[in-house]
Amino acid sequence: MAGPRFLFICSPARESVRVADGAGTRADLVTWRLLGANNRELGRSPIWYPGWDSCLEAVHVLRRDIGAVASAITAVAAPGGVWSWQLTVGGKPVAVASRPYHRHRECTYNLSHFVAAVPAARIMTEPCVLERR
């Protein structure tokens, strides 16, 4: 079975979206997702990046700073009171949960798996996957 890995998603933007510098853009955008050994998504980038190099740099920064991240588990304002997590470095979000969790303990468990997977995860270098729109 393969280990965890960072997968890069490319999307030719058809509309303005939030990117790293806070501005909207219509250029080709790239984001990352961390997949576990079972191919399930463990977490993802909170933003789209304006290109491959800036997205790859964000992954390297996350790996370098994973020991210094601050985590926050919050209740999401939705019917049923679901839970989500977010990691920040210096107050800036660097990773978010890929989905909401119905139980606090599931959210905590999945956050710990994400943090544990980051240092060992392979960084995929093959072409990006085109996101379906």
C-alpha atoms as a PDB file:
ATOM      1  CA  MET A   1       0.000   0.000   0.000  1.00  0.00           C
ATOM      2  CA  ALA A   2       1.302   3.465  -0.861  1.00  0.00           C
ATOM      3  CA  GLY A   3       2.020   5.970   1.890  1.00  0.00           C
ATOM      4  CA  PRO A   4       0.547   9.451   2.294  1.00  0.00           C
ATOM      5  CA  ARG A   5       1.176  11.941  -0.500  1.00  0.00           C
ATOM      6  CA  PHE A   6       0.497  15.497  -1.545  1.00  0.00           C
ATOM      7  CA  LEU A   7      -1.609  15.681  -4.694  1.00  0.00           C
ATOM      8  CA  PHE A   8      -1.731  18.877  -6.736  1.00  0.00           C
ATOM      9  CA  ILE A   9      -4.938  19.997  -8.415  1.00  0.00           C
ATOM     10  CA  CYS A  10      -4.915  22.405 -11.356  1.00  0.00           C
ATOM     11  CA  SER A  11      -7.910  24.360 -12.455  1.00  0.00           C
ATOM     12  CA  PRO A  12      -8.151  26.836 -15.280  1.00  0.00           C
ATOM     13  CA  ALA A  13     -10.240  29.422 -13.431  1.00  0.00           C
ATOM     14  CA  ARG A  14     -13.452  30.402 -15.100  1.00  0.00           C
ATOM     15  CA  GLU A  15     -14.296  32.858 -12.364  1.00  0.00           C
ATOM     16  CA  SER A  16     -12.472  34.969  -9.829  1.00  0.00           C
ATOM     17  CA  VAL A  17     -11.431  33.000  -6.726  1.00  0.00           C
ATOM     18  CA  ARG A  18      -9.479  33.763  -3.548  1.00  0.00           C
ATOM     19  CA  VAL A  19      -5.744  33.166  -3.981  1.00  0.00           C
ATOM     20  CA  ALA A  20      -2.651  33.513  -1.796  1.00  0.00           C
ATOM     21  CA  ASP A  21      -2.278  37.280  -2.118  1.00  0.00           C
ATOM     22  CA  GLY A  22      -5.948  37.835  -1.193  1.00  0.00           C
ATOM     23  CA  ALA A  23      -6.900  39.102  -4.638  1.00  0.00           C
ATOM     24  CA  GLY A  24      -9.041  37.358  -7.195  1.00  0.00           C
ATOM     25  CA  THR A  25      -7.595  36.091 -10.440  1.00  0.00           C
ATOM     26  CA  ARG A  26      -8.670  34.274 -13.579  1.00  0.00           C
ATOM     27  CA  ALA A  27      -5.270  32.673 -14.276  1.00  0.00           C
ATOM     28  CA  ASP A  28      -4.585  28.951 -14.004  1.00  0.00           C
ATOM     29  CA  LEU A  29      -4.719  28.052 -10.332  1.00  0.00           C
ATOM     30  CA  VAL A  30      -3.166  25.230  -8.301  1.00  0.00           C
ATOM     31  CA  THR A  31      -4.035  23.817  -4.887  1.00  0.00           C
ATOM     32  CA  TRP A  32      -2.920  20.786  -2.880  1.00  0.00           C
ATOM     33  CA  ARG A  33      -4.587  17.965  -1.015  1.00  0.00           C
ATOM     34  CA  LEU A  34      -2.986  15.459   1.350  1.00  0.00           C
ATOM     35  CA  LEU A  35      -4.102  11.888   0.692  1.00  0.00           C
ATOM     36  CA  GLY A  36      -3.619   9.018   3.119  1.00  0.00           C
ATOM     37  CA  ALA A  37      -2.304   5.564   2.255  1.00  0.00           C
ATOM     38  CA  ASN A  38      -5.890   4.487   1.505  1.00  0.00           C
ATOM     39  CA  ASN A  39      -6.359   7.375  -0.988  1.00  0.00           C
ATOM     40  CA  ARG A  40      -8.746   9.235   1.320  1.00  0.00           C
ATOM     41  CA  GLU A  41      -8.271  12.949   1.640  1.00  0.00           C
ATOM     42  CA  LEU A  42      -6.844  13.910   5.037  1.00  0.00           C
ATOM     43  CA  GLY A  43      -6.832  17.679   4.537  1.00  0.00           C
ATOM     44  CA  ARG A  44      -6.297  20.417   1.989  1.00  0.00           C
ATOM     45  CA  SER A  45      -5.002  23.861   1.319  1.00  0.00           C
ATOM     46  CA  PRO A  46      -7.332  26.650   2.429  1.00  0.00           C
ATOM     47  CA  ILE A  47      -6.598  28.640  -0.758  1.00  0.00           C
ATOM     48  CA  TRP A  48      -5.731  28.356  -4.450  1.00  0.00           C
ATOM     49  CA  TYR A  49      -2.264  29.480  -5.553  1.00  0.00           C
ATOM     50  CA  PRO A  50      -1.511  31.428  -8.740  1.00  0.00           C
ATOM     51  CA  GLY A  51       0.880  28.758 -10.015  1.00  0.00           C
ATOM     52  CA  TRP A  52       2.713  25.481  -9.444  1.00  0.00           C
ATOM     53  CA  ASP A  53       5.791  27.065  -7.814  1.00  0.00           C
ATOM     54  CA  SER A  54       3.875  28.987  -5.149  1.00  0.00           C
ATOM     55  CA  CYS A  55       1.717  25.952  -4.313  1.00  0.00           C
ATOM     56  CA  LEU A  56       4.769  23.694  -4.042  1.00  0.00           C
ATOM     57  CA  GLU A  57       6.456  26.265  -1.798  1.00  0.00           C
ATOM     58  CA  ALA A  58       3.381  26.280   0.461  1.00  0.00           C
ATOM     59  CA  VAL A  59       3.695  22.491   0.871  1.00  0.00           C
ATOM     60  CA  HIS A  60       7.387  22.832   1.755  1.00  0.00           C
ATOM     61  CA  VAL A  61       6.558  25.536   4.316  1.00  0.00           C
ATOM     62  CA  LEU A  62       3.833  23.335   5.829  1.00  0.00           C
ATOM     63  CA  ARG A  63       6.257  20.415   6.127  1.00  0.00           C
ATOM     64  CA  ARG A  64       8.946  22.625   7.627  1.00  0.00           C
ATOM     65  CA  ASP A  65       6.591  24.304  10.126  1.00  0.00           C
ATOM     66  CA  ILE A  66       4.314  21.370  11.023  1.00  0.00           C
ATOM     67  CA  GLY A  67       5.762  21.295  14.544  1.00  0.00           C
ATOM     68  CA  ALA A  68       4.837  24.944  15.102  1.00  0.00           C
ATOM     69  CA  VAL A  69       1.266  24.921  13.825  1.00  0.00           C
ATOM     70  CA  ALA A  70      -1.615  26.012  15.979  1.00  0.00           C
ATOM     71  CA  SER A  71      -4.717  23.895  15.594  1.00  0.00           C
ATOM     72  CA  ALA A  72      -8.285  24.956  16.071  1.00  0.00           C
ATOM     73  CA  ILE A  73     -11.274  22.652  16.157  1.00  0.00           C
ATOM     74  CA  THR A  74     -14.514  24.518  15.754  1.00  0.00           C
ATOM     75  CA  ALA A  75     -18.192  23.776  15.591  1.00  0.00           C
ATOM     76  CA  VAL A  76     -19.495  24.676  12.149  1.00  0.00           C
ATOM     77  CA  ALA A  77     -22.768  26.566  12.021  1.00  0.00           C
ATOM     78  CA  ALA A  78     -24.787  23.922  10.230  1.00  0.00           C
ATOM     79  CA  PRO A  79     -27.737  21.719  11.092  1.00  0.00           C
ATOM     80  CA  GLY A  80     -26.586  18.924  13.370  1.00  0.00           C
ATOM     81  CA  GLY A  81     -23.611  20.866  14.765  1.00  0.00           C
ATOM     82  CA  VAL A  82     -20.722  19.414  12.778  1.00  0.00           C
ATOM     83  CA  TRP A  83     -17.012  19.886  13.564  1.00  0.00           C
ATOM     84  CA  SER A  84     -14.060  21.013  11.457  1.00  0.00           C
ATOM     85  CA  TRP A  85     -10.367  21.791  11.992  1.00  0.00           C
ATOM     86  CA  GLN A  86      -7.895  24.365  10.735  1.00  0.00           C
ATOM     87  CA  LEU A  87      -4.122  24.692  11.145  1.00  0.00           C
ATOM     88  CA  THR A  88      -2.434  28.091  11.258  1.00  0.00           C
ATOM     89  CA  VAL A  89       1.133  29.359  11.344  1.00  0.00           C
ATOM     90  CA  GLY A  90       1.543  32.917  12.544  1.00  0.00           C
ATOM     91  CA  GLY A  91      -2.207  33.412  12.379  1.00  0.00           C
ATOM     92  CA  LYS A  92      -2.414  32.427   8.679  1.00  0.00           C
ATOM     93  CA  PRO A  93      -4.401  29.313   7.748  1.00  0.00           C
ATOM     94  CA  VAL A  94      -2.128  26.681   6.169  1.00  0.00           C
ATOM     95  CA  ALA A  95      -4.437  23.642   6.102  1.00  0.00           C
ATOM     96  CA  VAL A  96      -8.105  22.829   6.643  1.00  0.00           C
ATOM     97  CA  ALA A  97     -10.228  19.725   7.074  1.00  0.00           C
ATOM     98  CA  SER A  98     -11.443  18.223   3.842  1.00  0.00           C
ATOM     99  CA  ARG A  99     -14.909  17.605   5.253  1.00  0.00           C
ATOM    100  CA  PRO A 100     -17.019  18.235   8.363  1.00  0.00           C
ATOM    101  CA  TYR A 101     -17.202  15.609  11.125  1.00  0.00           C
ATOM    102  CA  HIS A 102     -20.299  14.708  13.122  1.00  0.00           C
ATOM    103  CA  ARG A 103     -18.355  13.954  16.297  1.00  0.00           C
ATOM    104  CA  HIS A 104     -15.682  16.020  18.021  1.00  0.00           C
ATOM    105  CA  ARG A 105     -13.558  12.923  18.625  1.00  0.00           C
ATOM    106  CA  GLU A 106     -13.624  12.064  14.884  1.00  0.00           C
ATOM    107  CA  CYS A 107     -12.451  15.578  14.079  1.00  0.00           C
ATOM    108  CA  THR A 108      -9.625  15.359  16.635  1.00  0.00           C
ATOM    109  CA  TYR A 109      -8.624  11.898  15.413  1.00  0.00           C
ATOM    110  CA  ASN A 110      -8.483  13.017  11.773  1.00  0.00           C
ATOM    111  CA  LEU A 111      -6.523  16.159  12.646  1.00  0.00           C
ATOM    112  CA  SER A 112      -3.910  14.021  14.408  1.00  0.00           C
ATOM    113  CA  HIS A 113      -3.661  11.759  11.330  1.00  0.00           C
ATOM    114  CA  PHE A 114      -3.156  14.781   9.085  1.00  0.00           C
ATOM    115  CA  VAL A 115      -0.385  16.215  11.292  1.00  0.00           C
ATOM    116  CA  ALA A 116       1.341  12.818  11.519  1.00  0.00           C
ATOM    117  CA  ALA A 117       1.189  12.293   7.736  1.00  0.00           C
ATOM    118  CA  VAL A 118       2.632  15.662   6.664  1.00  0.00           C
ATOM    119  CA  PRO A 119       6.353  15.010   7.385  1.00  0.00           C
ATOM    120  CA  ALA A 120       6.425  11.606   5.669  1.00  0.00           C
ATOM    121  CA  ALA A 121       4.116  12.392   2.737  1.00  0.00           C
ATOM    122  CA  ARG A 122       5.564  12.141  -0.749  1.00  0.00           C
ATOM    123  CA  ILE A 123       5.285  15.206  -2.935  1.00  0.00           C
ATOM    124  CA  MET A 124       3.863  14.140  -6.278  1.00  0.00           C
ATOM    125  CA  THR A 125       5.724  15.612  -9.221  1.00  0.00           C
ATOM    126  CA  GLU A 126       3.670  14.278 -12.101  1.00  0.00           C
ATOM    127  CA  PRO A 127       1.229  16.583 -13.852  1.00  0.00           C
ATOM    128  CA  CYS A 128      -1.629  18.061 -11.904  1.00  0.00           C
ATOM    129  CA  VAL A 129      -5.081  16.590 -11.881  1.00  0.00           C
ATOM    130  CA  LEU A 130      -7.582  18.842 -13.626  1.00  0.00           C
ATOM    131  CA  GLU A 131     -10.415  19.673 -11.291  1.00  0.00           C
ATOM    132  CA  ARG A 132     -13.850  18.990 -12.729  1.00  0.00           C
ATOM    133  CA  ARG A 133     -16.166  21.989 -12.929  1.00  0.00           C
END
